[in-house]
Amino acid sequence: MNHNLKVVIPMAGLGTRLRPHTFSKPKQLISVAGKTVLDHVLDSLATLPDPKGIELVNIVGYLGDQLEEYLKHNHPHLKSHFVTQEDPRGQSHAIYLARQYLQGPMLMIFADTLIETDLSFLANETAEAVVWVKPVTDPRRFGVAVVGEDGWVKQLIEKPQSMEHNLAAVGFYYFRSAEALLSAIEEQMRRNLQLKGEFYLADAVNIMLERGLKMRTEKVEVWLDAGTPEDLLKTNRYLLSHGRNNDAAATRREGVVVVPPVFIHPSAEVTHAVIGPHVSLGAGCRVQTSVIRDSILEDEAQVSDVILEGSLIGRQAQISRRAGRVNAGDQTVVVL
């Protein structure tokens, strides 16, 4: 019996590194370059052999109702399942909670990283598993894949102490058999292989490798992070500079100086302002008499009489500046 490809996306984390934004929404719904992070993740699936035939298996937790509503409203063509992980205990734990939906081939995607890859090769993939990797200068902050002389992955190591192996796993995995992965996760839990209270996917994969799994690597050139404000802005800069802008329409606006690349939503109202470079303005934004560069303003944010740089402004936030008086003596430095 053939099974649809399942795409498992764990999204139950609290996103503490993106507070205060994640107090009110999941980090996957934060905007970057005119779309949510989740939209960009789903865009990366467009090159699958049958992108319309996939099934999403969404592992949600805190504010998970927003993710469910967003997917049903904005991606109604995708068949979606939702599983609640009330107590986030790691990636393997999340997958195991969704076991009722996992039969046959599956992808596992971490939703706070974005990669550029062509997935069409999966139609003829002969390996039992694939881990996407990127060579890095210092692998000690990442999980890495150890590849043997025969080209097959021998082991995954979480945050290695040495610089010997530099193929960092980018949070994108393919397994021909979800059942084999679930069996390894059961063994992982039986052995209680966890770190700081979490069951990491790498340990389950290593059990599969012990059992003879044939896993290979697939290298990527572009690997973007969306886990911190600084990373979001860096990702925003890259995406806007590589085609995810609407410069042509933005530069035709009257009363606005636009410095490309930018994304300005058609419904945003911008007057007497300088926008760009590397600025994203969401739907319903209002910007008046301001200079904004290297920043993201989410839907319905309002900004007036300010200069912003390197800023992330949430939905319906209001930023303005009022006139004040300064009595500064000799050699005083005042930054307003």
C-alpha atoms as a PDB file:
ATOM      1  CA  MET A   1       0.000   0.000   0.000  1.00  0.00           C
ATOM      2  CA  ASN A   2       1.366   3.393  -0.963  1.00  0.00           C
ATOM      3  CA  HIS A   3       1.279   6.202   1.593  1.00  0.00           C
ATOM      4  CA  ASN A   4       1.342   9.946   1.066  1.00  0.00           C
ATOM      5  CA  LEU A   5       4.528  11.692   2.114  1.00  0.00           C
ATOM      6  CA  LYS A   6       4.099  13.007   5.662  1.00  0.00           C
ATOM      7  CA  VAL A   7       5.824  16.271   6.549  1.00  0.00           C
ATOM      8  CA  VAL A   8       6.336  16.534  10.300  1.00  0.00           C
ATOM      9  CA  ILE A   9       6.850  20.065  11.623  1.00  0.00           C
ATOM     10  CA  PRO A  10       7.498  20.398  15.383  1.00  0.00           C
ATOM     11  CA  MET A  11       6.201  23.802  16.534  1.00  0.00           C
ATOM     12  CA  ALA A  12       5.477  23.350  20.246  1.00  0.00           C
ATOM     13  CA  GLY A  13       8.441  25.335  21.579  1.00  0.00           C
ATOM     14  CA  LEU A  14       7.864  28.533  23.538  1.00  0.00           C
ATOM     15  CA  GLY A  15      10.210  30.606  21.371  1.00  0.00           C
ATOM     16  CA  THR A  16      11.759  32.303  24.389  1.00  0.00           C
ATOM     17  CA  ARG A  17      14.583  33.834  22.348  1.00  0.00           C
ATOM     18  CA  LEU A  18      12.002  35.839  20.385  1.00  0.00           C
ATOM     19  CA  ARG A  19      10.159  37.365  23.306  1.00  0.00           C
ATOM     20  CA  PRO A  20       8.219  39.618  23.658  1.00  0.00           C
ATOM     21  CA  HIS A  21       6.868  38.673  20.208  1.00  0.00           C
ATOM     22  CA  THR A  22       6.196  35.061  21.182  1.00  0.00           C
ATOM     23  CA  PHE A  23       4.122  36.026  24.196  1.00  0.00           C
ATOM     24  CA  SER A  24       1.253  36.617  21.779  1.00  0.00           C
ATOM     25  CA  LYS A  25       2.000  34.371  18.769  1.00  0.00           C
ATOM     26  CA  PRO A  26       4.063  31.301  17.855  1.00  0.00           C
ATOM     27  CA  LYS A  27       7.458  32.119  16.387  1.00  0.00           C
ATOM     28  CA  GLN A  28       6.465  30.416  13.131  1.00  0.00           C
ATOM     29  CA  LEU A  29       3.918  33.207  12.543  1.00  0.00           C
ATOM     30  CA  ILE A  30       6.434  36.040  12.803  1.00  0.00           C
ATOM     31  CA  SER A  31       6.886  37.807   9.478  1.00  0.00           C
ATOM     32  CA  VAL A  32      10.041  37.999   7.398  1.00  0.00           C
ATOM     33  CA  ALA A  33      10.273  39.353   3.839  1.00  0.00           C
ATOM     34  CA  GLY A  34       6.526  39.686   3.446  1.00  0.00           C
ATOM     35  CA  LYS A  35       5.532  36.204   4.649  1.00  0.00           C
ATOM     36  CA  THR A  36       5.449  34.281   7.892  1.00  0.00           C
ATOM     37  CA  VAL A  37       8.332  31.967   8.708  1.00  0.00           C
ATOM     38  CA  LEU A  38       5.893  29.064   8.288  1.00  0.00           C
ATOM     39  CA  ASP A  39       4.973  30.262   4.782  1.00  0.00           C
ATOM     40  CA  HIS A  40       8.636  30.231   3.789  1.00  0.00           C
ATOM     41  CA  VAL A  41       9.023  26.710   5.224  1.00  0.00           C
ATOM     42  CA  LEU A  42       6.056  25.498   3.164  1.00  0.00           C
ATOM     43  CA  ASP A  43       7.399  27.264   0.073  1.00  0.00           C
ATOM     44  CA  SER A  44      10.519  25.097   0.354  1.00  0.00           C
ATOM     45  CA  LEU A  45       8.324  22.039  -0.343  1.00  0.00           C
ATOM     46  CA  ALA A  46       7.261  23.249  -3.793  1.00  0.00           C
ATOM     47  CA  THR A  47       9.852  21.093  -5.572  1.00  0.00           C
ATOM     48  CA  LEU A  48       8.635  17.819  -4.033  1.00  0.00           C
ATOM     49  CA  PRO A  49       7.589  15.222  -6.622  1.00  0.00           C
ATOM     50  CA  ASP A  50       3.936  15.621  -5.556  1.00  0.00           C
ATOM     51  CA  PRO A  51       3.670  18.779  -3.419  1.00  0.00           C
ATOM     52  CA  LYS A  52      -0.146  18.720  -3.458  1.00  0.00           C
ATOM     53  CA  GLY A  53      -0.273  15.151  -2.223  1.00  0.00           C
ATOM     54  CA  ILE A  54       1.612  15.636   1.026  1.00  0.00           C
ATOM     55  CA  GLU A  55       0.125  15.560   4.502  1.00  0.00           C
ATOM     56  CA  LEU A  56       1.319  17.986   7.136  1.00  0.00           C
ATOM     57  CA  VAL A  57       1.708  16.655  10.659  1.00  0.00           C
ATOM     58  CA  ASN A  58       1.941  19.734  12.851  1.00  0.00           C
ATOM     59  CA  ILE A  59       3.165  19.330  16.425  1.00  0.00           C
ATOM     60  CA  VAL A  60       1.786  22.325  18.306  1.00  0.00           C
ATOM     61  CA  GLY A  61       1.736  23.535  21.888  1.00  0.00           C
ATOM     62  CA  TYR A  62       1.541  27.006  23.375  1.00  0.00           C
ATOM     63  CA  LEU A  63      -0.729  29.163  21.151  1.00  0.00           C
ATOM     64  CA  GLY A  64      -1.140  26.218  18.815  1.00  0.00           C
ATOM     65  CA  ASP A  65      -4.697  27.273  17.989  1.00  0.00           C
ATOM     66  CA  GLN A  66      -3.243  30.198  16.047  1.00  0.00           C
ATOM     67  CA  LEU A  67      -1.178  27.837  13.896  1.00  0.00           C
ATOM     68  CA  GLU A  68      -4.184  25.635  13.214  1.00  0.00           C
ATOM     69  CA  GLU A  69      -6.329  28.612  12.237  1.00  0.00           C
ATOM     70  CA  TYR A  70      -3.560  30.082  10.069  1.00  0.00           C
ATOM     71  CA  LEU A  71      -2.974  26.877   8.120  1.00  0.00           C
ATOM     72  CA  LYS A  72      -6.662  26.236   7.553  1.00  0.00           C
ATOM     73  CA  HIS A  73      -7.211  29.797   6.343  1.00  0.00           C
ATOM     74  CA  ASN A  74      -4.065  30.319   4.268  1.00  0.00           C
ATOM     75  CA  HIS A  75      -3.229  26.777   3.104  1.00  0.00           C
ATOM     76  CA  PRO A  76      -6.609  25.026   2.864  1.00  0.00           C
ATOM     77  CA  HIS A  77      -5.379  22.842  -0.007  1.00  0.00           C
ATOM     78  CA  LEU A  78      -2.931  21.043   2.267  1.00  0.00           C
ATOM     79  CA  LYS A  79      -4.194  18.130   4.321  1.00  0.00           C
ATOM     80  CA  SER A  80      -3.128  18.892   7.883  1.00  0.00           C
ATOM     81  CA  HIS A  81      -3.109  16.949  11.125  1.00  0.00           C
ATOM     82  CA  PHE A  82      -2.518  18.603  14.488  1.00  0.00           C
ATOM     83  CA  VAL A  83      -0.983  16.976  17.541  1.00  0.00           C
ATOM     84  CA  THR A  84      -0.563  18.782  20.852  1.00  0.00           C
ATOM     85  CA  GLN A  85       2.702  18.464  22.742  1.00  0.00           C
ATOM     86  CA  GLU A  86       1.747  19.960  26.087  1.00  0.00           C
ATOM     87  CA  ASP A  87       5.109  19.219  27.696  1.00  0.00           C
ATOM     88  CA  PRO A  88       7.889  19.801  25.127  1.00  0.00           C
ATOM     89  CA  ARG A  89      10.307  16.949  25.737  1.00  0.00           C
ATOM     90  CA  GLY A  90      12.282  17.081  22.538  1.00  0.00           C
ATOM     91  CA  GLN A  91      12.062  16.240  18.867  1.00  0.00           C
ATOM     92  CA  SER A  92      11.751  12.471  19.231  1.00  0.00           C
ATOM     93  CA  HIS A  93       8.991  12.892  21.799  1.00  0.00           C
ATOM     94  CA  ALA A  94       7.121  15.166  19.393  1.00  0.00           C
ATOM     95  CA  ILE A  95       7.353  12.631  16.564  1.00  0.00           C
ATOM     96  CA  TYR A  96       6.209   9.797  18.802  1.00  0.00           C
ATOM     97  CA  LEU A  97       3.102  11.715  19.851  1.00  0.00           C
ATOM     98  CA  ALA A  98       2.127  11.848  16.163  1.00  0.00           C
ATOM     99  CA  ARG A  99       2.697   8.144  15.527  1.00  0.00           C
ATOM    100  CA  GLN A 100      -0.921   7.489  14.527  1.00  0.00           C
ATOM    101  CA  TYR A 101      -0.369   9.577  11.375  1.00  0.00           C
ATOM    102  CA  LEU A 102       3.078   8.245  10.459  1.00  0.00           C
ATOM    103  CA  GLN A 103       3.218   5.414   7.970  1.00  0.00           C
ATOM    104  CA  GLY A 104       5.547   5.197   4.991  1.00  0.00           C
ATOM    105  CA  PRO A 105       7.874   8.018   3.895  1.00  0.00           C
ATOM    106  CA  MET A 106       8.238  11.218   5.907  1.00  0.00           C
ATOM    107  CA  LEU A 107      10.123  14.476   6.091  1.00  0.00           C
ATOM    108  CA  MET A 108      11.082  16.071   9.404  1.00  0.00           C
ATOM    109  CA  ILE A 109      11.506  19.845   9.227  1.00  0.00           C
ATOM    110  CA  PHE A 110      12.542  22.221  11.981  1.00  0.00           C
ATOM    111  CA  ALA A 111      10.375  25.308  11.565  1.00  0.00           C
ATOM    112  CA  ASP A 112      12.848  27.946  12.721  1.00  0.00           C
ATOM    113  CA  THR A 113      15.365  27.270   9.961  1.00  0.00           C
ATOM    114  CA  LEU A 114      15.005  27.906   6.237  1.00  0.00           C
ATOM    115  CA  ILE A 115      17.003  26.214   3.506  1.00  0.00           C
ATOM    116  CA  GLU A 116      17.084  26.343  -0.268  1.00  0.00           C
ATOM    117  CA  THR A 117      17.046  22.872  -1.787  1.00  0.00           C
ATOM    118  CA  ASP A 118      15.574  21.009  -4.739  1.00  0.00           C
ATOM    119  CA  LEU A 119      13.504  18.098  -3.432  1.00  0.00           C
ATOM    120  CA  SER A 120      12.596  16.588  -6.789  1.00  0.00           C
ATOM    121  CA  PHE A 121      15.299  13.915  -6.369  1.00  0.00           C
ATOM    122  CA  LEU A 122      13.157  12.196  -3.719  1.00  0.00           C
ATOM    123  CA  ALA A 123      11.098  10.654  -6.519  1.00  0.00           C
ATOM    124  CA  ASN A 124      14.028   8.326  -7.267  1.00  0.00           C
ATOM    125  CA  GLU A 125      15.853   8.275  -3.925  1.00  0.00           C
ATOM    126  CA  THR A 126      17.436   4.910  -3.156  1.00  0.00           C
ATOM    127  CA  ALA A 127      18.818   5.661   0.313  1.00  0.00           C
ATOM    128  CA  GLU A 128      16.691   4.776   3.324  1.00  0.00           C
ATOM    129  CA  ALA A 129      17.259   8.190   4.854  1.00  0.00           C
ATOM    130  CA  VAL A 130      18.752  11.581   3.986  1.00  0.00           C
ATOM    131  CA  VAL A 131      20.039  14.324   6.273  1.00  0.00           C
ATOM    132  CA  TRP A 132      20.541  17.783   4.811  1.00  0.00           C
ATOM    133  CA  VAL A 133      23.851  19.372   5.860  1.00  0.00           C
ATOM    134  CA  LYS A 134      25.978  22.437   5.362  1.00  0.00           C
ATOM    135  CA  PRO A 135      29.747  22.648   5.852  1.00  0.00           C
ATOM    136  CA  VAL A 136      30.554  25.132   8.621  1.00  0.00           C
ATOM    137  CA  THR A 137      33.759  26.668   9.907  1.00  0.00           C
ATOM    138  CA  ASP A 138      33.094  25.881  13.570  1.00  0.00           C
ATOM    139  CA  PRO A 139      30.862  22.825  14.046  1.00  0.00           C
ATOM    140  CA  ARG A 140      30.903  22.884  17.858  1.00  0.00           C
ATOM    141  CA  ARG A 141      27.597  24.793  18.079  1.00  0.00           C
ATOM    142  CA  PHE A 142      25.698  22.329  15.909  1.00  0.00           C
ATOM    143  CA  GLY A 143      24.765  18.721  15.453  1.00  0.00           C
ATOM    144  CA  VAL A 144      26.997  17.158  12.804  1.00  0.00           C
ATOM    145  CA  ALA A 145      26.925  14.139  10.519  1.00  0.00           C
ATOM    146  CA  VAL A 146      29.945  11.824  10.503  1.00  0.00           C
ATOM    147  CA  VAL A 147      30.383  10.290   7.058  1.00  0.00           C
ATOM    148  CA  GLY A 148      32.433   7.155   6.429  1.00  0.00           C
ATOM    149  CA  GLU A 149      34.777   6.473   3.538  1.00  0.00           C
ATOM    150  CA  ASP A 150      31.950   4.621   1.777  1.00  0.00           C
ATOM    151  CA  GLY A 151      29.869   7.823   1.725  1.00  0.00           C
ATOM    152  CA  TRP A 152      27.224   6.653   4.211  1.00  0.00           C
ATOM    153  CA  VAL A 153      26.496   8.438   7.470  1.00  0.00           C
ATOM    154  CA  LYS A 154      28.054   6.600  10.413  1.00  0.00           C
ATOM    155  CA  GLN A 155      26.836   8.757  13.300  1.00  0.00           C
ATOM    156  CA  LEU A 156      25.193  12.018  14.289  1.00  0.00           C
ATOM    157  CA  ILE A 157      26.956  13.970  17.037  1.00  0.00           C
ATOM    158  CA  GLU A 158      25.274  16.775  18.958  1.00  0.00           C
ATOM    159  CA  LYS A 159      27.649  19.730  19.528  1.00  0.00           C
ATOM    160  CA  PRO A 160      30.980  17.932  19.031  1.00  0.00           C
ATOM    161  CA  GLN A 161      33.993  18.983  21.054  1.00  0.00           C
ATOM    162  CA  SER A 162      36.408  18.754  18.126  1.00  0.00           C
ATOM    163  CA  MET A 163      36.592  20.424  14.700  1.00  0.00           C
ATOM    164  CA  GLU A 164      37.111  17.125  12.895  1.00  0.00           C
ATOM    165  CA  HIS A 165      33.620  16.839  11.376  1.00  0.00           C
ATOM    166  CA  ASN A 166      32.103  19.981   9.895  1.00  0.00           C
ATOM    167  CA  LEU A 167      28.872  18.852   8.193  1.00  0.00           C
ATOM    168  CA  ALA A 168      26.236  20.577  10.317  1.00  0.00           C
ATOM    169  CA  ALA A 169      22.725  19.087  10.198  1.00  0.00           C
ATOM    170  CA  VAL A 170      20.343  21.883   9.163  1.00  0.00           C
ATOM    171  CA  GLY A 171      17.132  20.446  10.614  1.00  0.00           C
ATOM    172  CA  PHE A 172      15.784  18.711   7.502  1.00  0.00           C
ATOM    173  CA  TYR A 173      15.491  14.902   7.316  1.00  0.00           C
ATOM    174  CA  TYR A 174      13.938  12.278   5.032  1.00  0.00           C
ATOM    175  CA  PHE A 175      13.038   8.759   6.181  1.00  0.00           C
ATOM    176  CA  ARG A 176      11.695   6.145   3.793  1.00  0.00           C
ATOM    177  CA  SER A 177      10.026   4.344   6.702  1.00  0.00           C
ATOM    178  CA  ALA A 178       8.395   6.337   9.484  1.00  0.00           C
ATOM    179  CA  GLU A 179       7.757   3.007  11.221  1.00  0.00           C
ATOM    180  CA  ALA A 180      11.504   2.330  11.456  1.00  0.00           C
ATOM    181  CA  LEU A 181      12.047   5.756  13.011  1.00  0.00           C
ATOM    182  CA  LEU A 182       9.243   5.204  15.528  1.00  0.00           C
ATOM    183  CA  SER A 183      10.761   1.858  16.498  1.00  0.00           C
ATOM    184  CA  ALA A 184      14.107   3.578  17.118  1.00  0.00           C
ATOM    185  CA  ILE A 185      12.411   6.269  19.199  1.00  0.00           C
ATOM    186  CA  GLU A 186      10.811   3.572  21.364  1.00  0.00           C
ATOM    187  CA  GLU A 187      14.276   2.094  21.904  1.00  0.00           C
ATOM    188  CA  GLN A 188      15.660   5.573  22.646  1.00  0.00           C
ATOM    189  CA  MET A 189      13.031   6.077  25.337  1.00  0.00           C
ATOM    190  CA  ARG A 190      13.626   2.585  26.721  1.00  0.00           C
ATOM    191  CA  ARG A 191      17.341   3.432  27.065  1.00  0.00           C
ATOM    192  CA  ASN A 192      16.384   6.885  28.418  1.00  0.00           C
ATOM    193  CA  LEU A 193      18.725   8.607  25.953  1.00  0.00           C
ATOM    194  CA  GLN A 194      18.007  12.259  26.649  1.00  0.00           C
ATOM    195  CA  LEU A 195      19.802  15.520  27.281  1.00  0.00           C
ATOM    196  CA  LYS A 196      18.517  18.041  29.813  1.00  0.00           C
ATOM    197  CA  GLY A 197      15.115  16.404  29.826  1.00  0.00           C
ATOM    198  CA  GLU A 198      14.700  16.245  26.040  1.00  0.00           C
ATOM    199  CA  PHE A 199      14.794  13.322  23.628  1.00  0.00           C
ATOM    200  CA  TYR A 200      16.830  14.468  20.622  1.00  0.00           C
ATOM    201  CA  LEU A 201      16.240  13.083  17.147  1.00  0.00           C
ATOM    202  CA  ALA A 202      19.969  12.455  16.710  1.00  0.00           C
ATOM    203  CA  ASP A 203      19.901   9.679  19.304  1.00  0.00           C
ATOM    204  CA  ALA A 204      17.036   7.921  17.537  1.00  0.00           C
ATOM    205  CA  VAL A 205      18.859   8.210  14.215  1.00  0.00           C
ATOM    206  CA  ASN A 206      21.985   6.728  15.787  1.00  0.00           C
ATOM    207  CA  ILE A 207      19.941   3.720  16.906  1.00  0.00           C
ATOM    208  CA  MET A 208      18.725   3.342  13.321  1.00  0.00           C
ATOM    209  CA  LEU A 209      22.340   3.524  12.130  1.00  0.00           C
ATOM    210  CA  GLU A 210      23.250   0.809  14.647  1.00  0.00           C
ATOM    211  CA  ARG A 211      20.542  -1.293  13.034  1.00  0.00           C
ATOM    212  CA  GLY A 212      22.075  -0.820   9.581  1.00  0.00           C
ATOM    213  CA  LEU A 213      20.252   2.233   8.250  1.00  0.00           C
ATOM    214  CA  LYS A 214      21.594   3.506   4.931  1.00  0.00           C
ATOM    215  CA  MET A 215      21.593   7.287   5.330  1.00  0.00           C
ATOM    216  CA  ARG A 216      23.340   9.784   3.103  1.00  0.00           C
ATOM    217  CA  THR A 217      23.876  13.539   3.218  1.00  0.00           C
ATOM    218  CA  GLU A 218      22.479  16.220   0.915  1.00  0.00           C
ATOM    219  CA  LYS A 219      24.432  19.478   0.990  1.00  0.00           C
ATOM    220  CA  VAL A 220      22.782  22.895   0.914  1.00  0.00           C
ATOM    221  CA  GLU A 221      24.375  26.237   0.166  1.00  0.00           C
ATOM    222  CA  VAL A 222      21.765  28.435   1.853  1.00  0.00           C
ATOM    223  CA  TRP A 223      20.781  27.855   5.485  1.00  0.00           C
ATOM    224  CA  LEU A 224      18.925  30.644   7.254  1.00  0.00           C
ATOM    225  CA  ASP A 225      17.899  30.923  10.886  1.00  0.00           C
ATOM    226  CA  ALA A 226      14.777  32.537  12.313  1.00  0.00           C
ATOM    227  CA  GLY A 227      15.274  31.832  15.998  1.00  0.00           C
ATOM    228  CA  THR A 228      16.341  35.255  17.334  1.00  0.00           C
ATOM    229  CA  PRO A 229      15.575  38.889  16.391  1.00  0.00           C
ATOM    230  CA  GLU A 230      19.087  39.282  14.993  1.00  0.00           C
ATOM    231  CA  ASP A 231      18.765  36.117  12.900  1.00  0.00           C
ATOM    232  CA  LEU A 232      15.340  37.173  11.650  1.00  0.00           C
ATOM    233  CA  LEU A 233      16.729  40.482  10.425  1.00  0.00           C
ATOM    234  CA  LYS A 234      19.664  38.703   8.776  1.00  0.00           C
ATOM    235  CA  THR A 235      17.254  36.304   7.059  1.00  0.00           C
ATOM    236  CA  ASN A 236      15.073  39.245   6.030  1.00  0.00           C
ATOM    237  CA  ARG A 237      18.095  40.891   4.401  1.00  0.00           C
ATOM    238  CA  TYR A 238      18.976  37.735   2.480  1.00  0.00           C
ATOM    239  CA  LEU A 239      15.450  37.003   1.253  1.00  0.00           C
ATOM    240  CA  LEU A 240      14.812  40.576   0.135  1.00  0.00           C
ATOM    241  CA  SER A 241      18.141  40.607  -1.699  1.00  0.00           C
ATOM    242  CA  HIS A 242      17.314  37.326  -3.464  1.00  0.00           C
ATOM    243  CA  GLY A 243      13.977  37.941  -5.102  1.00  0.00           C
ATOM    244  CA  ARG A 244      11.496  38.074  -2.214  1.00  0.00           C
ATOM    245  CA  ASN A 245      10.891  41.811  -2.648  1.00  0.00           C
ATOM    246  CA  ASN A 246       8.353  43.933  -4.483  1.00  0.00           C
ATOM    247  CA  ASP A 247      10.695  46.767  -5.404  1.00  0.00           C
ATOM    248  CA  ALA A 248       8.984  47.460  -8.714  1.00  0.00           C
ATOM    249  CA  ALA A 249       5.675  48.302  -7.063  1.00  0.00           C
ATOM    250  CA  ALA A 250       7.206  49.936  -3.995  1.00  0.00           C
ATOM    251  CA  THR A 251       9.299  52.412  -5.962  1.00  0.00           C
ATOM    252  CA  ARG A 252       6.193  53.690  -7.779  1.00  0.00           C
ATOM    253  CA  ARG A 253       4.656  54.998  -4.576  1.00  0.00           C
ATOM    254  CA  GLU A 254       4.348  58.766  -4.348  1.00  0.00           C
ATOM    255  CA  GLY A 255       5.642  60.724  -1.394  1.00  0.00           C
ATOM    256  CA  VAL A 256       7.996  57.921  -0.381  1.00  0.00           C
ATOM    257  CA  VAL A 257      11.724  57.459  -0.940  1.00  0.00           C
ATOM    258  CA  VAL A 258      12.356  53.740  -1.385  1.00  0.00           C
ATOM    259  CA  VAL A 259      15.866  52.301  -1.133  1.00  0.00           C
ATOM    260  CA  PRO A 260      15.684  48.700  -2.460  1.00  0.00           C
ATOM    261  CA  PRO A 261      15.387  45.928  -1.630  1.00  0.00           C
ATOM    262  CA  VAL A 262      12.121  46.188   0.300  1.00  0.00           C
ATOM    263  CA  PHE A 263       8.754  44.537   0.657  1.00  0.00           C
ATOM    264  CA  ILE A 264       5.866  46.938   1.205  1.00  0.00           C
ATOM    265  CA  HIS A 265       2.464  45.269   1.379  1.00  0.00           C
ATOM    266  CA  PRO A 266      -0.014  46.856  -1.054  1.00  0.00           C
ATOM    267  CA  SER A 267      -2.330  47.785   1.835  1.00  0.00           C
ATOM    268  CA  ALA A 268       0.382  49.581   3.831  1.00  0.00           C
ATOM    269  CA  GLU A 269       0.024  53.363   4.053  1.00  0.00           C
ATOM    270  CA  VAL A 270       3.348  55.205   3.816  1.00  0.00           C
ATOM    271  CA  THR A 271       3.692  58.989   3.653  1.00  0.00           C
ATOM    272  CA  HIS A 272       6.664  61.353   3.878  1.00  0.00           C
ATOM    273  CA  ALA A 273       9.061  58.532   4.679  1.00  0.00           C
ATOM    274  CA  VAL A 274      12.308  56.911   3.631  1.00  0.00           C
ATOM    275  CA  ILE A 275      11.989  53.117   3.486  1.00  0.00           C
ATOM    276  CA  GLY A 276      14.949  50.789   3.033  1.00  0.00           C
ATOM    277  CA  PRO A 277      17.135  49.117   2.390  1.00  0.00           C
ATOM    278  CA  HIS A 278      16.066  45.730   3.784  1.00  0.00           C
ATOM    279  CA  VAL A 279      12.679  46.713   5.164  1.00  0.00           C
ATOM    280  CA  SER A 280       9.491  44.621   5.263  1.00  0.00           C
ATOM    281  CA  LEU A 281       6.156  46.332   5.928  1.00  0.00           C
ATOM    282  CA  GLY A 282       3.171  44.076   6.590  1.00  0.00           C
ATOM    283  CA  ALA A 283      -0.495  44.433   5.685  1.00  0.00           C
ATOM    284  CA  GLY A 284      -2.198  47.512   7.075  1.00  0.00           C
ATOM    285  CA  CYS A 285       0.989  49.155   8.331  1.00  0.00           C
ATOM    286  CA  ARG A 286       0.973  52.944   8.671  1.00  0.00           C
ATOM    287  CA  VAL A 287       4.259  54.830   8.448  1.00  0.00           C
ATOM    288  CA  GLN A 288       4.411  58.619   8.621  1.00  0.00           C
ATOM    289  CA  THR A 289       7.331  61.033   8.588  1.00  0.00           C
ATOM    290  CA  SER A 290       9.889  58.374   9.439  1.00  0.00           C
ATOM    291  CA  VAL A 291      13.121  56.794   8.262  1.00  0.00           C
ATOM    292  CA  ILE A 292      13.188  53.000   8.441  1.00  0.00           C
ATOM    293  CA  ARG A 293      15.980  50.693   7.400  1.00  0.00           C
ATOM    294  CA  ASP A 294      16.955  47.082   8.123  1.00  0.00           C
ATOM    295  CA  SER A 295      13.682  46.429   9.977  1.00  0.00           C
ATOM    296  CA  ILE A 296      10.497  44.354   9.967  1.00  0.00           C
ATOM    297  CA  LEU A 297       7.108  45.886  10.729  1.00  0.00           C
ATOM    298  CA  GLU A 298       4.373  43.302  11.073  1.00  0.00           C
ATOM    299  CA  ASP A 299       0.713  43.679  10.142  1.00  0.00           C
ATOM    300  CA  GLU A 300      -1.043  46.885  11.252  1.00  0.00           C
ATOM    301  CA  ALA A 301       1.995  48.313  13.040  1.00  0.00           C
ATOM    302  CA  GLN A 302       1.985  52.114  13.212  1.00  0.00           C
ATOM    303  CA  VAL A 303       5.105  54.265  13.179  1.00  0.00           C
ATOM    304  CA  SER A 304       5.393  58.045  13.093  1.00  0.00           C
ATOM    305  CA  ASP A 305       8.160  60.622  13.496  1.00  0.00           C
ATOM    306  CA  VAL A 306      10.930  58.121  14.242  1.00  0.00           C
ATOM    307  CA  ILE A 307      14.149  56.746  12.814  1.00  0.00           C
ATOM    308  CA  LEU A 308      14.336  52.963  13.069  1.00  0.00           C
ATOM    309  CA  GLU A 309      17.189  50.626  12.240  1.00  0.00           C
ATOM    310  CA  GLY A 310      17.630  46.969  13.107  1.00  0.00           C
ATOM    311  CA  SER A 311      14.130  46.810  14.595  1.00  0.00           C
ATOM    312  CA  LEU A 312      11.389  44.201  14.809  1.00  0.00           C
ATOM    313  CA  ILE A 313       7.949  45.720  15.415  1.00  0.00           C
ATOM    314  CA  GLY A 314       5.051  43.393  16.209  1.00  0.00           C
ATOM    315  CA  ARG A 315       1.467  43.361  14.999  1.00  0.00           C
ATOM    316  CA  GLN A 316      -0.592  46.465  15.882  1.00  0.00           C
ATOM    317  CA  ALA A 317       2.315  47.968  17.830  1.00  0.00           C
ATOM    318  CA  GLN A 318       2.491  51.772  17.853  1.00  0.00           C
ATOM    319  CA  ILE A 319       5.806  53.630  17.843  1.00  0.00           C
ATOM    320  CA  SER A 320       5.880  57.425  17.850  1.00  0.00           C
ATOM    321  CA  ARG A 321       8.000  60.268  19.089  1.00  0.00           C
ATOM    322  CA  ARG A 322       6.891  63.524  20.593  1.00  0.00           C
ATOM    323  CA  ALA A 323       8.742  66.802  20.839  1.00  0.00           C
ATOM    324  CA  GLY A 324      10.779  67.411  23.981  1.00  0.00           C
ATOM    325  CA  ARG A 325      13.114  69.951  25.527  1.00  0.00           C
ATOM    326  CA  VAL A 326      16.808  69.446  26.119  1.00  0.00           C
ATOM    327  CA  ASN A 327      19.102  71.664  28.206  1.00  0.00           C
ATOM    328  CA  ALA A 328      22.557  70.248  27.476  1.00  0.00           C
ATOM    329  CA  GLY A 329      25.812  71.693  28.743  1.00  0.00           C
ATOM    330  CA  ASP A 330      29.259  71.719  27.205  1.00  0.00           C
ATOM    331  CA  GLN A 331      30.563  68.432  25.767  1.00  0.00           C
ATOM    332  CA  THR A 332      27.272  66.635  26.459  1.00  0.00           C
ATOM    333  CA  VAL A 333      26.307  63.727  24.236  1.00  0.00           C
ATOM    334  CA  VAL A 334      22.553  63.107  23.881  1.00  0.00           C
ATOM    335  CA  VAL A 335      21.105  60.264  21.829  1.00  0.00           C
ATOM    336  CA  LEU A 336      17.361  60.458  21.172  1.00  0.00           C
END
